[in-house]
Protein backbone atom coordinates (compact mmCIF):
# COMPACT_ATOMS: atom_id res chain seq x y z
CA MET A 1 -4.22 9.42 34.31
CA LYS A 2 -1.41 8.57 31.92
CA ASN A 3 0.44 11.35 30.16
CA LEU A 4 0.01 10.05 26.62
CA PRO A 5 1.99 12.80 24.83
CA GLU A 6 5.07 12.14 26.95
CA GLU A 7 4.75 8.40 26.31
CA ILE A 8 4.69 8.90 22.55
CA PHE A 9 7.04 11.85 22.01
CA ASP A 10 10.65 12.14 23.18
CA ASN A 11 10.80 15.91 22.81
CA CYS A 12 8.71 18.77 24.18
CA LEU A 13 8.90 22.54 23.82
CA THR A 14 7.08 24.47 26.56
CA LEU A 15 5.73 27.73 25.18
CA GLN A 16 3.79 28.94 28.23
CA SER A 17 3.89 28.32 31.94
CA ASP A 18 0.74 27.65 33.95
CA SER A 19 0.49 31.39 34.56
CA GLY A 20 0.67 32.12 30.81
CA GLN A 21 4.24 33.46 30.73
CA ALA A 22 6.37 32.66 27.67
CA ILE A 23 9.22 30.23 28.35
CA GLU A 24 10.64 28.88 25.05
CA LYS A 25 10.31 29.98 21.43
CA PRO A 26 9.48 27.92 18.30
CA GLY A 27 12.82 28.97 16.81
CA GLU A 28 14.45 26.28 18.97
CA LEU A 29 12.62 23.51 17.09
CA PRO A 30 14.43 21.37 14.47
CA THR A 31 13.94 21.96 10.74
CA SER A 32 13.64 18.29 9.79
CA ALA A 33 10.46 16.37 9.02
CA GLY A 34 8.52 14.85 11.84
CA LEU A 35 5.38 14.50 13.93
CA ILE A 36 3.94 17.42 15.92
CA LEU A 37 1.36 17.59 18.69
CA PHE A 38 -0.05 20.89 19.97
CA ALA A 39 -1.22 20.64 23.62
CA ASP A 40 -2.85 23.07 26.07
CA ASN A 41 -1.76 24.01 29.61
CA GLN A 42 -3.53 20.91 30.96
CA ASN A 43 -1.54 18.73 28.56
CA LEU A 44 -4.66 17.87 26.57
CA PRO A 45 -4.12 17.33 22.82
CA ILE A 46 -5.29 20.03 20.42
CA LEU A 47 -3.85 19.20 17.00
CA LEU A 48 -1.74 16.34 15.64
CA LEU A 49 -0.03 16.60 12.28
CA SER A 50 3.01 15.51 10.31
CA ALA A 51 5.26 18.11 8.73
CA ALA A 52 8.11 18.34 6.24
CA ASN A 53 9.68 21.06 8.42
CA ILE A 54 8.76 21.04 12.11
CA ARG A 55 9.95 24.58 12.90
CA ARG A 56 8.32 26.21 9.89
CA THR A 57 5.02 24.38 10.41
CA VAL A 58 4.81 25.35 14.07
CA LYS A 59 5.60 29.00 13.31
CA ASN A 60 2.92 29.11 10.61
CA LYS A 61 0.32 27.49 12.87
CA LEU A 62 1.10 29.85 15.76
CA ALA A 63 1.14 32.95 13.62
CA GLU A 64 -1.32 35.62 14.76
CA GLN A 65 -4.59 35.62 12.86
CA LYS A 66 -5.05 38.88 10.94
CA GLU A 67 -8.69 38.17 10.15
CA THR A 68 -11.52 36.79 12.24
CA THR A 69 -12.23 33.17 11.31
CA LYS A 70 -14.12 30.22 12.75
CA LYS A 71 -10.84 28.40 13.37
CA ALA A 72 -9.40 28.42 16.88
CA ASP A 73 -6.43 30.68 17.56
CA LEU A 74 -3.73 28.08 18.30
CA LYS A 75 -1.34 30.69 19.64
CA SER A 76 -3.65 31.60 22.51
CA ILE A 77 -4.42 28.03 23.62
CA THR A 78 -1.17 26.14 22.90
CA ALA A 79 1.13 25.70 25.91
CA LYS A 80 3.34 22.82 24.72
CA ILE A 81 4.68 21.48 21.45
CA TYR A 82 5.48 17.77 21.46
CA TYR A 83 7.51 16.62 18.48
CA GLU A 84 9.47 13.71 17.08
CA THR A 85 11.80 13.95 14.08
CA CYS A 86 11.27 11.36 11.36
CA PRO A 87 12.91 11.98 7.95
CA CYS A 88 11.45 8.83 6.33
CA LYS A 89 8.07 9.76 4.83
CA PHE A 90 6.55 6.29 5.00
CA ARG A 91 7.63 5.75 8.61
CA LEU A 92 6.27 9.19 9.47
CA SER A 93 2.85 8.27 8.05
CA LEU A 94 2.79 5.08 10.11
CA GLU A 95 3.83 6.94 13.25
CA HIS A 96 1.11 9.53 12.60
CA TYR A 97 -1.50 6.78 12.34
CA LYS A 98 -0.34 5.05 15.53
CA ALA A 99 -0.17 8.30 17.49
CA ALA A 100 -3.65 9.37 16.34
CA LYS A 101 -5.18 6.06 17.46
CA LYS A 102 -3.45 6.21 20.81
CA ILE A 103 -4.11 9.88 21.61
CA PHE A 104 -7.61 10.39 20.23
CA ALA A 105 -8.97 6.83 20.61
CA LEU A 106 -12.41 6.57 18.97
CA ASN A 107 -12.12 10.03 17.40
CA TYR A 108 -8.80 9.37 15.66
CA LYS A 109 -10.38 9.60 12.18
CA ASP A 110 -11.01 13.31 12.79
CA HIS A 111 -7.24 13.83 12.93
CA ILE A 112 -6.02 11.69 10.04
CA SER A 113 -7.36 11.12 6.54
CA PHE A 114 -7.28 7.90 4.55
CA VAL A 115 -7.20 7.35 0.79
CA TYR A 116 -8.66 3.87 0.57
CA PRO A 117 -7.68 1.70 -2.41
CA TRP A 118 -10.18 -0.42 -4.33
CA PHE A 119 -10.38 -4.20 -4.60
CA ILE A 120 -12.16 -6.90 -6.58
CA GLU A 121 -13.41 -9.76 -4.42
CA ILE A 122 -15.15 -13.05 -5.01
CA ASP A 123 -16.46 -15.78 -2.73
CA LEU A 124 -15.51 -19.10 -4.32
CA ASN A 125 -17.70 -20.95 -1.85
CA GLU A 126 -20.87 -19.72 -3.56
CA LYS A 127 -22.69 -21.91 -6.07
CA THR A 128 -22.42 -19.31 -8.84
CA PRO A 129 -19.73 -16.86 -7.65
CA PHE A 130 -19.45 -13.36 -9.09
CA PHE A 131 -16.86 -10.59 -8.83
CA SER A 132 -17.67 -7.33 -7.06
CA ILE A 133 -15.76 -4.07 -6.61
CA THR A 134 -15.31 -2.76 -3.08
CA ARG A 135 -13.17 -0.59 -0.84
CA LYS A 136 -13.65 -2.83 2.16
CA PRO A 137 -13.12 -6.46 1.17
CA GLY A 138 -14.47 -9.20 3.37
CA LEU A 139 -11.54 -10.94 5.01
CA LYS A 140 -12.89 -14.48 4.97
CA LYS A 141 -11.12 -17.72 4.22
CA THR A 142 -13.41 -18.50 1.28
CA LYS A 143 -12.93 -15.12 -0.38
CA LYS A 144 -10.26 -14.29 -2.93
CA ILE A 145 -9.23 -10.69 -3.50
CA LEU A 146 -7.55 -8.93 -6.42
CA GLY A 147 -5.91 -5.57 -5.77
CA PRO A 148 -5.02 -2.99 -4.86
CA PHE A 149 -6.42 -0.55 -7.44
CA CYS A 150 -5.79 3.17 -7.31
CA SER A 151 -9.35 4.09 -8.31
CA GLN A 152 -12.79 2.65 -8.82
CA LYS A 153 -12.43 3.29 -12.55
CA SER A 154 -9.24 1.24 -12.85
CA ALA A 155 -10.90 -1.63 -10.94
CA ALA A 156 -13.98 -1.43 -13.19
CA VAL A 157 -11.86 -1.50 -16.38
CA PHE A 158 -9.88 -4.45 -14.99
CA LEU A 159 -13.03 -6.40 -14.13
CA ASN A 160 -14.66 -5.58 -17.46
CA THR A 161 -11.60 -6.99 -19.25
CA LEU A 162 -11.85 -10.24 -17.29
CA GLU A 163 -15.58 -10.47 -17.99
CA ASP A 164 -15.05 -9.98 -21.73
CA ALA A 165 -12.11 -12.38 -21.95
CA PHE A 166 -13.81 -15.23 -20.08
CA LYS A 167 -17.46 -14.45 -21.00
CA LEU A 168 -18.45 -14.02 -17.37
CA CYS A 169 -21.99 -13.15 -16.40
CA LYS A 170 -22.38 -9.37 -15.99
CA ARG A 171 -25.83 -9.60 -14.42
CA ASN A 172 -25.29 -10.27 -10.74
CA ASP A 173 -29.05 -10.24 -10.19
CA LEU A 174 -29.43 -13.25 -12.48
CA LEU A 175 -26.57 -15.02 -10.74
CA ARG A 176 -28.25 -14.46 -7.38
CA GLN A 177 -31.38 -15.99 -8.84
CA ALA A 178 -29.26 -18.91 -9.99
CA GLN A 179 -28.04 -19.34 -6.41
CA SER A 180 -31.69 -19.48 -5.35
CA ARG A 181 -32.17 -22.69 -7.37
CA LEU A 182 -33.47 -20.88 -10.44
CA VAL A 183 -30.75 -22.18 -12.72
CA GLY A 184 -32.06 -23.11 -16.14
CA ASN A 185 -34.99 -20.70 -16.20
CA PRO A 186 -34.99 -19.37 -19.81
CA GLN A 187 -37.79 -16.87 -19.13
CA ARG A 188 -35.71 -14.97 -16.55
CA ALA A 189 -32.53 -14.90 -18.69
CA ALA A 190 -34.15 -14.37 -22.10
CA GLY A 191 -34.10 -10.58 -21.75
CA CYS A 192 -30.39 -10.40 -20.96
CA PRO A 193 -28.63 -8.60 -23.85
CA TYR A 194 -25.29 -10.22 -23.04
CA LEU A 195 -26.82 -13.67 -23.46
CA GLN A 196 -28.41 -12.68 -26.75
CA MET A 197 -25.07 -11.38 -28.06
CA ASP A 198 -23.28 -14.55 -26.90
CA ALA A 199 -21.14 -12.36 -24.63
CA CYS A 200 -21.51 -14.59 -21.57
CA SER A 201 -21.37 -18.29 -20.83
CA GLY A 202 -25.09 -18.50 -19.97
CA VAL A 203 -24.90 -20.16 -16.57
CA CYS A 204 -28.14 -18.40 -15.55
CA ASP A 205 -29.85 -19.88 -18.63
CA GLY A 206 -28.53 -23.37 -18.01
CA LYS A 207 -26.15 -23.44 -20.99
CA ILE A 208 -23.38 -24.62 -18.68
CA ARG A 209 -23.51 -26.19 -15.24
CA PRO A 210 -22.56 -24.21 -12.11
CA GLN A 211 -19.54 -26.47 -11.60
CA GLU A 212 -18.24 -25.54 -15.05
CA TYR A 213 -18.82 -21.86 -14.34
CA GLN A 214 -16.87 -22.14 -11.09
CA ASN A 215 -13.88 -23.46 -13.06
CA ILE A 216 -14.17 -20.51 -15.47
CA ILE A 217 -14.27 -18.10 -12.52
CA LYS A 218 -11.13 -19.68 -11.05
CA ASP A 219 -9.33 -19.31 -14.39
CA ALA A 220 -10.43 -15.66 -14.55
CA PHE A 221 -9.10 -15.01 -11.05
CA GLU A 222 -5.76 -16.62 -11.89
CA ALA A 223 -5.57 -14.50 -15.04
CA GLY A 224 -6.22 -11.37 -12.99
CA ALA A 225 -3.63 -12.38 -10.41
CA GLU A 226 -0.90 -13.30 -12.93
CA PRO A 227 -1.83 -12.09 -16.43
CA ALA A 228 1.58 -12.80 -17.95
CA LYS A 229 1.53 -16.42 -16.78
CA GLN A 230 -1.99 -16.96 -18.11
CA ILE A 231 -1.08 -15.35 -21.46
CA GLU A 232 1.89 -17.70 -21.87
CA LYS A 233 -0.41 -20.66 -21.27
CA LEU A 234 -2.95 -19.37 -23.78
CA GLN A 235 -0.24 -18.80 -26.38
CA VAL A 236 0.81 -22.44 -26.09
CA ASP A 237 -2.82 -23.52 -26.48
CA MET A 238 -3.25 -21.21 -29.48
CA GLN A 239 -0.19 -22.61 -31.25
CA ARG A 240 -1.39 -26.15 -30.56
CA ALA A 241 -4.83 -25.33 -31.97
CA ALA A 242 -3.32 -23.80 -35.08
CA LYS A 243 -1.10 -26.84 -35.52
CA ASP A 244 -4.18 -29.08 -35.32
CA LEU A 245 -5.87 -26.83 -37.95
CA ASN A 246 -8.48 -25.77 -35.42
CA PHE A 247 -8.36 -22.16 -36.59
CA GLU A 248 -11.65 -21.16 -34.96
CA LEU A 249 -10.31 -22.06 -31.52
CA ALA A 250 -6.97 -20.41 -32.30
CA ALA A 251 -8.74 -17.17 -33.27
CA GLU A 252 -10.78 -17.26 -30.08
CA LEU A 253 -7.66 -17.76 -27.97
CA LYS A 254 -5.91 -14.92 -29.81
CA LYS A 255 -8.74 -12.53 -28.93
CA LYS A 256 -8.54 -13.60 -25.30
CA ILE A 257 -4.77 -13.00 -25.28
CA GLU A 258 -5.22 -9.53 -26.74
CA LYS A 259 -7.75 -8.62 -24.06
CA LEU A 260 -5.64 -9.97 -21.19
CA SER A 261 -2.55 -8.14 -22.46
CA ALA A 262 -4.09 -4.91 -21.17
CA LEU A 263 -3.79 -6.30 -17.63
CA LYS A 264 -0.08 -7.02 -17.73
CA LYS A 265 1.97 -5.20 -15.12
CA GLN A 266 3.91 -2.19 -16.40
CA ILE A 267 7.24 -0.69 -15.36
CA TYR A 268 6.39 2.91 -14.61
CA PRO A 269 5.82 4.51 -12.22
CA HIS A 270 7.16 2.57 -9.20
CA THR A 271 10.11 4.51 -7.84
CA ASN A 272 11.31 7.98 -7.24
CA SER A 273 15.01 7.38 -7.61
CA SER A 274 15.89 10.98 -6.77
CA SER A 275 14.68 10.42 -3.23
CA ILE A 276 17.27 7.68 -2.75
CA ARG A 277 20.30 8.32 -4.91
CA THR A 278 20.16 10.14 -8.27
CA CYS A 279 17.11 10.18 -10.49
CA SER A 280 17.48 8.55 -13.88
CA LYS A 281 16.72 11.25 -16.46
CA SER A 282 15.43 8.78 -18.99
CA SER A 283 13.11 7.12 -16.44
CA ALA A 284 11.80 10.47 -15.24
CA LYS A 285 11.23 11.58 -18.85
CA ILE A 286 9.35 8.42 -19.78
CA SER A 287 7.22 8.57 -16.62
CA ALA A 288 6.41 12.25 -17.23
CA GLN A 289 5.44 11.54 -20.86
CA HIS A 290 3.09 8.75 -19.81
CA SER A 291 1.53 10.90 -17.09
CA GLN A 292 0.94 13.76 -19.52
CA THR A 293 -0.50 11.48 -22.19
CA ASN A 294 -2.89 9.78 -19.79
CA ARG A 295 -3.97 13.09 -18.29
CA HIS A 296 -5.09 14.40 -21.68
CA SER A 297 -6.50 11.16 -23.04
CA GLY A 298 -8.42 10.23 -19.89
CA LYS A 299 -7.21 6.62 -20.19
CA ILE A 300 -6.04 4.43 -17.36
CA GLY A 301 -2.39 5.32 -16.72
CA VAL A 302 0.63 3.19 -17.47
CA GLY A 303 1.66 1.20 -14.40
CA VAL A 304 -1.83 1.44 -12.88
CA TYR A 305 -1.92 -2.36 -12.48
CA ARG A 306 1.69 -2.75 -11.36
CA TRP A 307 0.71 -3.76 -7.82
CA THR A 308 -2.49 -5.61 -8.72
CA GLY A 309 -2.59 -9.32 -8.05
CA ASP A 310 -3.70 -11.92 -5.55
CA LEU A 311 -3.76 -9.81 -2.38
CA GLU A 312 -2.86 -12.81 -0.25
CA LYS A 313 0.46 -13.21 -2.11
CA LEU A 314 1.42 -9.53 -2.31
CA LYS A 315 4.77 -8.67 -0.67
CA ILE A 316 6.54 -5.33 -0.94
CA ILE A 317 9.98 -3.98 -0.06
CA HIS A 318 10.41 -0.27 0.56
CA ILE A 319 13.72 1.61 0.94
CA ASP A 320 13.97 5.35 1.51
CA LYS A 321 16.22 7.97 3.01
CA SER A 322 16.22 8.22 6.77
CA ALA A 323 18.28 10.41 9.11
CA LYS A 324 21.80 11.67 8.56
CA ILE A 325 24.03 10.65 11.45
CA LYS A 326 27.49 11.47 12.72
CA PRO A 327 30.22 8.84 12.21
CA PHE A 328 30.36 7.83 15.88
CA ASP A 329 26.59 7.16 15.83
CA LEU A 330 27.25 4.16 13.61
CA VAL A 331 27.44 2.07 16.76
CA ARG A 332 23.66 2.30 16.89
CA LEU A 333 23.45 0.72 13.46
CA CYS A 334 26.01 -1.99 14.28
CA SER A 335 28.45 -0.79 11.63
CA PRO A 336 31.49 -3.07 11.23
CA GLN A 337 33.79 -0.06 11.51
CA ALA A 338 32.19 1.08 14.74
CA ALA A 339 32.09 -2.45 16.13
CA GLN A 340 35.84 -2.77 15.58
CA GLY A 341 36.46 0.49 17.42
CA LYS A 342 37.60 2.34 14.28
CA PRO A 343 35.54 5.53 14.05
CA GLN A 344 35.44 7.14 10.63
CA LYS A 345 37.46 10.29 10.06
CA GLY A 346 35.88 13.61 9.23
CA LYS A 347 32.79 15.41 10.49
CA LYS A 348 30.54 14.87 7.50
CA LYS A 349 27.26 13.22 8.40
CA ILE A 350 26.41 9.87 6.86
CA GLN A 351 23.10 9.16 5.12
CA THR A 352 21.10 6.23 6.46
CA TYR A 353 18.28 4.38 4.72
CA ALA A 354 15.09 2.94 6.19
CA VAL A 355 13.91 -0.51 5.09
CA PHE A 356 10.39 -1.97 5.32
CA VAL A 357 8.90 -5.30 4.31
CA MET A 358 5.13 -5.60 4.14
CA ASN A 359 2.01 -7.26 2.82
CA PHE A 360 -1.69 -6.50 3.28
CA PHE A 361 -1.72 -7.83 6.83
CA GLU A 362 1.58 -6.70 8.27
CA VAL A 363 4.27 -4.00 8.07
CA ILE A 364 7.74 -4.87 9.37
CA ASP A 365 10.16 -2.02 10.04
CA VAL A 366 13.47 -3.75 9.35
CA GLY A 367 15.46 -0.73 10.60
CA ASP A 368 18.03 1.72 9.23
CA PHE A 369 21.32 0.99 7.48
CA VAL A 370 24.19 2.73 5.70
CA ILE A 371 25.32 1.96 2.15
CA ASP A 372 28.35 0.01 3.38
CA ASP A 373 26.02 -2.36 5.21
CA PHE A 374 23.63 -2.94 2.31
CA GLU A 375 24.53 -6.64 1.98
CA LYS A 376 23.69 -7.13 5.65
CA SER A 377 20.37 -5.37 5.16
CA ILE A 378 19.47 -7.82 2.35
CA GLY A 379 19.78 -10.66 4.85
CA ALA A 380 17.46 -8.81 7.22
CA ILE A 381 14.99 -8.28 4.35
CA GLU A 382 15.02 -12.01 3.53
CA ASN A 383 14.38 -12.86 7.19
CA ALA A 384 11.46 -10.42 7.29
CA LEU A 385 9.95 -12.01 4.17
CA LEU A 386 10.28 -15.44 5.79
CA LYS A 387 8.46 -14.08 8.82
CA LEU A 388 5.62 -12.90 6.60
CA ASN A 389 5.48 -16.35 4.99
CA SER A 390 5.47 -18.18 8.34
CA ASN A 391 2.73 -15.91 9.72
CA GLN A 392 0.67 -16.57 6.60
CA GLN A 393 1.01 -20.34 6.99
CA GLU A 394 0.13 -20.23 10.70
CA ASN A 395 -2.90 -18.03 10.12
CA CYS A 396 -4.82 -19.39 7.15
CA ASP A 397 -7.83 -17.21 7.92
CA PRO A 398 -6.82 -13.58 7.24
CA SER A 399 -9.28 -12.31 9.85
CA THR A 400 -7.11 -13.86 12.60
CA TRP A 401 -3.88 -12.09 11.70
CA PHE A 402 -2.02 -10.30 14.48
CA ASP A 403 -1.50 -6.56 14.38
CA SER A 404 2.02 -5.44 13.49
CA PHE A 405 1.94 -2.60 16.02
CA ASP A 406 1.07 -2.54 19.68
CA PHE A 407 -0.38 0.88 20.45
CA THR A 408 -0.17 0.22 24.20
CA GLN A 409 3.59 -0.21 24.17
CA ASP A 410 6.49 1.90 23.05
CA LYS A 411 6.46 3.08 19.45
CA TYR A 412 8.96 0.55 18.08
CA ALA A 413 7.50 -2.52 19.79
CA HIS A 414 6.41 -4.66 16.86
CA HIS A 415 4.65 -8.00 16.69
CA LYS A 416 2.86 -7.91 20.02
CA PRO A 417 -0.12 -10.27 20.42
CA LEU A 418 -2.74 -7.60 19.73
CA ARG A 419 -5.26 -8.74 17.16
CA ALA A 420 -5.97 -6.34 14.34
CA SER A 421 -9.51 -5.77 13.20
CA SER A 422 -10.32 -5.74 9.51
CA THR A 423 -10.75 -1.96 9.80
CA GLU A 424 -7.19 -1.56 11.10
CA LEU A 425 -5.81 -3.76 8.34
CA ILE A 426 -7.55 -1.75 5.63
CA GLU A 427 -6.59 1.59 7.19
CA ARG A 428 -2.92 0.67 7.49
CA PHE A 429 -2.83 -0.75 3.98
CA SER A 430 -4.42 2.45 2.68
CA ILE A 431 -1.26 4.21 3.87
CA VAL A 432 0.83 1.71 1.90
CA SER A 433 -1.27 2.00 -1.27
CA TYR A 434 -1.19 5.81 -1.06
CA PHE A 435 2.58 5.67 -1.51
CA LEU A 436 2.39 2.93 -4.16
CA TYR A 437 0.20 4.94 -6.50
CA ARG A 438 1.67 8.40 -6.05
CA THR A 439 3.01 10.02 -9.24
CA LYS A 440 6.41 10.35 -7.57
CA PRO A 441 6.50 7.79 -4.75
CA ALA A 442 8.99 8.42 -1.98
CA GLY A 443 11.95 6.06 -2.18
CA LEU A 444 12.20 2.66 -3.82
CA TRP A 445 9.22 0.28 -3.96
CA ILE A 446 9.84 -3.31 -5.07
CA ASP A 447 7.34 -6.12 -5.70
CA ALA A 448 8.72 -9.09 -3.76
CA SER A 449 5.74 -11.40 -4.24
CA GLY A 450 7.97 -13.83 -6.11
CA GLY A 451 10.87 -13.56 -3.67
CA VAL A 452 14.03 -11.44 -3.55
CA ASP A 453 16.71 -11.35 -6.20
CA ARG A 454 19.81 -10.18 -4.29
CA HIS A 455 21.57 -8.88 -7.40
CA GLY A 456 18.43 -7.22 -8.74
CA LEU A 457 17.75 -5.55 -5.39
CA THR A 458 21.32 -4.27 -5.21
CA ARG A 459 21.15 -2.91 -8.76
CA SER A 460 17.81 -1.21 -8.05
CA PHE A 461 19.30 0.58 -5.06
CA LEU A 462 22.82 1.39 -6.24
CA ASN A 463 22.51 1.78 -10.03
CA THR A 464 19.84 4.46 -10.18
CA ASP A 465 22.03 7.16 -11.69
């Protein structure tokens, strides 16, 4: 039988021998963040968790219970502490997920929790397609997906805005009847209040043909994916209508623009600059004011749609603090100074930064770098984005994407030919979206769906104070 803990973790602290005698103490553990596994004297896993301080967490867990509870006394059954330091919070979450799947197999969900995002999906292959809100989108070639959304409420408000702006049918039951060749049946649609108020296009009543409704649905999806682009187009059409003295059409377009403006992506919150360099006081103040206002008003928060768009096109760059290393350890990071045999003077440790490039289907760990090598890291980021693009072109059907992580190999072996199920894709992306929508997300998160601006990326990283 394989010793899974020793395959996953590089470090182990033995607390008890087979006879139950104490050998080592938790005080010898590091104080940095990392992954911890409690194991018994047969090396069977007991508890897996991530911690901001390994030593403190272990001491607290092994503290003697003063009161009788239903929880197991870890101190009496724990013989070994396996641990791995990992200062980067996002990388730690990914490592926790991989370790849980490898150690606990089918029961891994009992040892890790997921905060699933919400999505809006639509199957354009249907005769009369309709949008639906879900946490588990169907990864089919014919389906288009908008997201992610931080809550069901934000997804519902978003969809309601699209329905109002484009007069989409809000009665899915009538649309399903339309798909069953009941299009043009006035008796079935007569009782619909939206049709009576002229709040929908009336495809179920035969006012427009299904082909026309499909075109409206496509326009609505494009507006949801890129609201700003659609608004610019509508503004041009509105000005043209006003110039042609078609004021009724211009007024209708103006109302549509006003509704779609609520979907435009906002600025805050998307970074926690203090976790990288120095937090901008003005940015923190503005973000705090928005959070407080939205908390009291109950409205959807500013920035809630920042990451919402066509899920197939979503690309994200993440940069955050990693380990502090000694100057001579720069060889590991291929520093120019170390490569030239010129070690840096002084004993002060140097801060490194972890870089990730990702989309819904894949997470690429680009590696760690120091500030002096930031230009080199941008090249690595661009290469990773190209890899995402090439994978997307080679695999048109999202359900055939390869998994980014091979749980049967060593922990940094990426891009092995292990196919990821839709469940794995959604679970891993739930980790990504959890960081995206936190009030104070760890590190820097950048939307790279439209590519990378080298100067903008450098400013975002270096000019945060």
